[in-house]
């Protein structure tokens, strides 16, 4: 029974607080969920972990960021192989995505643009070396026009 309640809590916190209250999904609720996923990717941590000082990933990252050291937040498998200023920007972006107020969150176009800038910075740090086909991703994101955006569920 306890595990079932924990899974329900995780689902609520992974979506967003406004959706929980209104049952209405918007672009900003998608941004919130994306922010949570982004934090999971950056940290390699689960959304809910009762053994952390702050159990929800957003609260935990925010708590750790107040100390100013991202090394304790980052996925250890990255072994410092990242540009710290780009990673700070990505973390700040993810935290803005999970703002409790939807008006405090960026829209998805802003998120895509910020991530693109971070990717360009990381690629230039690596001397233009691409671990993935970044060019096609950049072309896709820059050809993205608002008329092509899907409607919120």
C-alpha atoms as a PDB file:
ATOM      1  CA  UNK A   1       0.000   0.000   0.000  1.00  0.00           C
ATOM      2  CA  UNK A   2       2.829   2.440   0.892  1.00  0.00           C
ATOM      3  CA  UNK A   3       4.500   1.884  -2.498  1.00  0.00           C
ATOM      4  CA  UNK A   4       1.221   2.586  -4.288  1.00  0.00           C
ATOM      5  CA  UNK A   5       0.790   5.882  -2.393  1.00  0.00           C
ATOM      6  CA  UNK A   6       4.400   6.818  -3.199  1.00  0.00           C
ATOM      7  CA  UNK A   7       3.806   6.162  -6.901  1.00  0.00           C
ATOM      8  CA  UNK A   8       0.690   8.370  -6.792  1.00  0.00           C
ATOM      9  CA  UNK A   9       2.697  11.142  -5.122  1.00  0.00           C
ATOM     10  CA  UNK A  10       5.450  10.762  -7.715  1.00  0.00           C
ATOM     11  CA  UNK A  11       2.926  11.053 -10.545  1.00  0.00           C
ATOM     12  CA  UNK A  12       1.426  14.201  -9.028  1.00  0.00           C
ATOM     13  CA  UNK A  13       4.774  15.887  -8.521  1.00  0.00           C
ATOM     14  CA  UNK A  14       6.049  14.859 -11.947  1.00  0.00           C
ATOM     15  CA  UNK A  15       3.150  16.550 -13.684  1.00  0.00           C
ATOM     16  CA  UNK A  16       2.560  19.856 -12.002  1.00  0.00           C
ATOM     17  CA  UNK A  17       0.734  21.446  -9.185  1.00  0.00           C
ATOM     18  CA  UNK A  18      -1.719  23.393 -11.334  1.00  0.00           C
ATOM     19  CA  UNK A  19      -2.762  20.289 -13.270  1.00  0.00           C
ATOM     20  CA  UNK A  20      -3.300  18.486  -9.994  1.00  0.00           C
ATOM     21  CA  UNK A  21      -5.682  21.260  -8.906  1.00  0.00           C
ATOM     22  CA  UNK A  22      -7.486  21.882 -12.239  1.00  0.00           C
ATOM     23  CA  UNK A  23      -7.110  18.680 -14.331  1.00  0.00           C
ATOM     24  CA  UNK A  24      -6.273  20.953 -17.267  1.00  0.00           C
ATOM     25  CA  UNK A  25      -3.063  20.366 -19.249  1.00  0.00           C
ATOM     26  CA  UNK A  26      -1.414  23.325 -20.951  1.00  0.00           C
ATOM     27  CA  UNK A  27       1.874  24.064 -22.668  1.00  0.00           C
ATOM     28  CA  UNK A  28       3.173  25.218 -19.279  1.00  0.00           C
ATOM     29  CA  UNK A  29       2.289  21.863 -17.690  1.00  0.00           C
ATOM     30  CA  UNK A  30       4.256  20.182 -20.481  1.00  0.00           C
ATOM     31  CA  UNK A  31       7.153  22.551 -19.721  1.00  0.00           C
ATOM     32  CA  UNK A  32       6.978  21.531 -16.053  1.00  0.00           C
ATOM     33  CA  UNK A  33       7.114  17.833 -16.955  1.00  0.00           C
ATOM     34  CA  UNK A  34       9.985  18.471 -19.366  1.00  0.00           C
ATOM     35  CA  UNK A  35      11.873  20.258 -16.591  1.00  0.00           C
ATOM     36  CA  UNK A  36      11.492  17.244 -14.323  1.00  0.00           C
ATOM     37  CA  UNK A  37      12.735  14.924 -17.084  1.00  0.00           C
ATOM     38  CA  UNK A  38      15.654  17.283 -17.769  1.00  0.00           C
ATOM     39  CA  UNK A  39      16.630  17.123 -14.088  1.00  0.00           C
ATOM     40  CA  UNK A  40      16.443  13.325 -14.198  1.00  0.00           C
ATOM     41  CA  UNK A  41      18.789  13.285 -17.200  1.00  0.00           C
ATOM     42  CA  UNK A  42      21.262  15.778 -15.708  1.00  0.00           C
ATOM     43  CA  UNK A  43      21.444  14.107 -12.311  1.00  0.00           C
ATOM     44  CA  UNK A  44      20.729  10.472 -13.140  1.00  0.00           C
ATOM     45  CA  UNK A  45      18.462  10.529 -10.082  1.00  0.00           C
ATOM     46  CA  UNK A  46      14.863   9.360  -9.724  1.00  0.00           C
ATOM     47  CA  UNK A  47      12.108  11.954  -9.318  1.00  0.00           C
ATOM     48  CA  UNK A  48      11.346  10.767  -5.789  1.00  0.00           C
ATOM     49  CA  UNK A  49      14.004   9.403  -3.454  1.00  0.00           C
ATOM     50  CA  UNK A  50      13.101   9.213   0.223  1.00  0.00           C
ATOM     51  CA  UNK A  51      16.771   8.790   1.200  1.00  0.00           C
ATOM     52  CA  UNK A  52      17.753  12.311   0.020  1.00  0.00           C
ATOM     53  CA  UNK A  53      17.558  15.342   2.299  1.00  0.00           C
ATOM     54  CA  UNK A  54      14.857  16.631  -0.103  1.00  0.00           C
ATOM     55  CA  UNK A  55      12.844  13.789  -1.614  1.00  0.00           C
ATOM     56  CA  UNK A  56      11.576  15.491  -4.830  1.00  0.00           C
ATOM     57  CA  UNK A  57      14.255  15.995  -7.476  1.00  0.00           C
ATOM     58  CA  UNK A  58      13.405  19.669  -7.992  1.00  0.00           C
ATOM     59  CA  UNK A  59      13.635  20.448  -4.299  1.00  0.00           C
ATOM     60  CA  UNK A  60      16.849  18.424  -4.009  1.00  0.00           C
ATOM     61  CA  UNK A  61      18.541  20.185  -6.944  1.00  0.00           C
ATOM     62  CA  UNK A  62      17.398  23.587  -5.674  1.00  0.00           C
ATOM     63  CA  UNK A  63      18.774  22.793  -2.216  1.00  0.00           C
ATOM     64  CA  UNK A  64      22.102  21.664  -3.685  1.00  0.00           C
ATOM     65  CA  UNK A  65      22.340  24.681  -5.995  1.00  0.00           C
ATOM     66  CA  UNK A  66      22.231  27.016  -2.999  1.00  0.00           C
ATOM     67  CA  UNK A  67      25.669  25.634  -2.109  1.00  0.00           C
ATOM     68  CA  UNK A  68      26.939  26.635  -5.566  1.00  0.00           C
ATOM     69  CA  UNK A  69      28.511  23.300  -6.423  1.00  0.00           C
ATOM     70  CA  UNK A  70      27.085  21.460  -9.402  1.00  0.00           C
ATOM     71  CA  UNK A  71      29.502  18.533  -9.100  1.00  0.00           C
ATOM     72  CA  UNK A  72      27.316  17.041  -6.360  1.00  0.00           C
ATOM     73  CA  UNK A  73      24.265  17.339  -8.627  1.00  0.00           C
ATOM     74  CA  UNK A  74      25.633  16.066 -11.924  1.00  0.00           C
ATOM     75  CA  UNK A  75      25.420  12.498 -13.137  1.00  0.00           C
ATOM     76  CA  UNK A  76      28.707  10.986 -11.881  1.00  0.00           C
ATOM     77  CA  UNK A  77      29.153   9.055 -15.130  1.00  0.00           C
ATOM     78  CA  UNK A  78      29.890  12.380 -16.876  1.00  0.00           C
ATOM     79  CA  UNK A  79      33.180  12.536 -14.952  1.00  0.00           C
ATOM     80  CA  UNK A  80      33.456  16.336 -15.324  1.00  0.00           C
ATOM     81  CA  UNK A  81      33.287  16.002 -19.130  1.00  0.00           C
ATOM     82  CA  UNK A  82      31.028  19.042 -19.595  1.00  0.00           C
ATOM     83  CA  UNK A  83      31.268  22.801 -19.761  1.00  0.00           C
ATOM     84  CA  UNK A  84      30.296  24.001 -16.283  1.00  0.00           C
ATOM     85  CA  UNK A  85      28.854  27.316 -17.493  1.00  0.00           C
ATOM     86  CA  UNK A  86      26.634  25.504 -20.014  1.00  0.00           C
ATOM     87  CA  UNK A  87      25.574  23.053 -17.344  1.00  0.00           C
ATOM     88  CA  UNK A  88      24.707  25.909 -14.977  1.00  0.00           C
ATOM     89  CA  UNK A  89      22.493  27.339 -17.741  1.00  0.00           C
ATOM     90  CA  UNK A  90      20.797  23.978 -18.281  1.00  0.00           C
ATOM     91  CA  UNK A  91      20.209  23.568 -14.543  1.00  0.00           C
ATOM     92  CA  UNK A  92      18.809  27.093 -14.262  1.00  0.00           C
ATOM     93  CA  UNK A  93      16.579  26.385 -17.250  1.00  0.00           C
ATOM     94  CA  UNK A  94      15.315  23.125 -15.746  1.00  0.00           C
ATOM     95  CA  UNK A  95      14.609  24.883 -12.456  1.00  0.00           C
ATOM     96  CA  UNK A  96      12.682  27.632 -14.248  1.00  0.00           C
ATOM     97  CA  UNK A  97      10.661  24.928 -16.023  1.00  0.00           C
ATOM     98  CA  UNK A  98       9.511  23.518 -12.692  1.00  0.00           C
ATOM     99  CA  UNK A  99       8.503  26.857 -11.195  1.00  0.00           C
ATOM    100  CA  UNK A 100       5.369  26.362  -9.092  1.00  0.00           C
ATOM    101  CA  UNK A 101       3.650  29.179 -10.962  1.00  0.00           C
ATOM    102  CA  UNK A 102       3.040  28.636 -14.649  1.00  0.00           C
ATOM    103  CA  UNK A 103       3.741  32.330 -15.337  1.00  0.00           C
ATOM    104  CA  UNK A 104       7.268  31.767 -13.990  1.00  0.00           C
ATOM    105  CA  UNK A 105       7.988  29.051 -16.561  1.00  0.00           C
ATOM    106  CA  UNK A 106       9.414  29.625 -20.032  1.00  0.00           C
ATOM    107  CA  UNK A 107       7.529  28.430 -23.091  1.00  0.00           C
ATOM    108  CA  UNK A 108       8.852  25.466 -25.081  1.00  0.00           C
ATOM    109  CA  UNK A 109      10.357  27.699 -27.774  1.00  0.00           C
ATOM    110  CA  UNK A 110      12.417  29.458 -25.119  1.00  0.00           C
ATOM    111  CA  UNK A 111      13.452  26.096 -23.676  1.00  0.00           C
ATOM    112  CA  UNK A 112      14.516  24.851 -27.117  1.00  0.00           C
ATOM    113  CA  UNK A 113      16.501  28.022 -27.812  1.00  0.00           C
ATOM    114  CA  UNK A 114      18.302  27.883 -24.453  1.00  0.00           C
ATOM    115  CA  UNK A 115      19.171  24.211 -24.921  1.00  0.00           C
ATOM    116  CA  UNK A 116      20.413  24.941 -28.443  1.00  0.00           C
ATOM    117  CA  UNK A 117      22.745  27.639 -27.097  1.00  0.00           C
ATOM    118  CA  UNK A 118      24.080  25.210 -24.493  1.00  0.00           C
ATOM    119  CA  UNK A 119      24.632  22.559 -27.152  1.00  0.00           C
ATOM    120  CA  UNK A 120      26.530  25.013 -29.347  1.00  0.00           C
ATOM    121  CA  UNK A 121      28.696  26.014 -26.389  1.00  0.00           C
ATOM    122  CA  UNK A 122      29.413  22.388 -25.524  1.00  0.00           C
ATOM    123  CA  UNK A 123      30.246  21.541 -29.130  1.00  0.00           C
ATOM    124  CA  UNK A 124      32.623  24.496 -29.413  1.00  0.00           C
ATOM    125  CA  UNK A 125      34.285  23.427 -26.153  1.00  0.00           C
ATOM    126  CA  UNK A 126      34.906  20.030 -27.715  1.00  0.00           C
ATOM    127  CA  UNK A 127      36.404  21.668 -30.793  1.00  0.00           C
ATOM    128  CA  UNK A 128      33.359  21.173 -32.963  1.00  0.00           C
ATOM    129  CA  UNK A 129      33.373  17.411 -32.364  1.00  0.00           C
ATOM    130  CA  UNK A 130      29.852  15.995 -32.429  1.00  0.00           C
ATOM    131  CA  UNK A 131      29.040  12.926 -30.385  1.00  0.00           C
ATOM    132  CA  UNK A 132      25.609  12.934 -31.975  1.00  0.00           C
ATOM    133  CA  UNK A 133      24.328  14.384 -35.197  1.00  0.00           C
ATOM    134  CA  UNK A 134      23.814  17.808 -33.616  1.00  0.00           C
ATOM    135  CA  UNK A 135      23.535  19.571 -36.935  1.00  0.00           C
ATOM    136  CA  UNK A 136      20.314  17.830 -37.862  1.00  0.00           C
ATOM    137  CA  UNK A 137      18.899  18.576 -34.407  1.00  0.00           C
ATOM    138  CA  UNK A 138      19.797  22.242 -34.781  1.00  0.00           C
ATOM    139  CA  UNK A 139      18.296  22.412 -38.242  1.00  0.00           C
ATOM    140  CA  UNK A 140      15.089  20.888 -36.932  1.00  0.00           C
ATOM    141  CA  UNK A 141      14.840  23.286 -33.994  1.00  0.00           C
ATOM    142  CA  UNK A 142      15.597  26.365 -36.076  1.00  0.00           C
ATOM    143  CA  UNK A 143      13.017  25.411 -38.694  1.00  0.00           C
ATOM    144  CA  UNK A 144      10.385  25.034 -35.991  1.00  0.00           C
ATOM    145  CA  UNK A 145       7.571  27.512 -36.478  1.00  0.00           C
ATOM    146  CA  UNK A 146       4.748  28.214 -34.024  1.00  0.00           C
ATOM    147  CA  UNK A 147       2.086  27.020 -36.465  1.00  0.00           C
ATOM    148  CA  UNK A 148       3.586  23.525 -36.178  1.00  0.00           C
ATOM    149  CA  UNK A 149       3.294  23.264 -32.418  1.00  0.00           C
ATOM    150  CA  UNK A 150       0.954  20.572 -31.173  1.00  0.00           C
ATOM    151  CA  UNK A 151      -2.010  21.617 -29.098  1.00  0.00           C
ATOM    152  CA  UNK A 152      -1.847  20.985 -25.398  1.00  0.00           C
ATOM    153  CA  UNK A 153      -3.679  17.856 -24.416  1.00  0.00           C
END
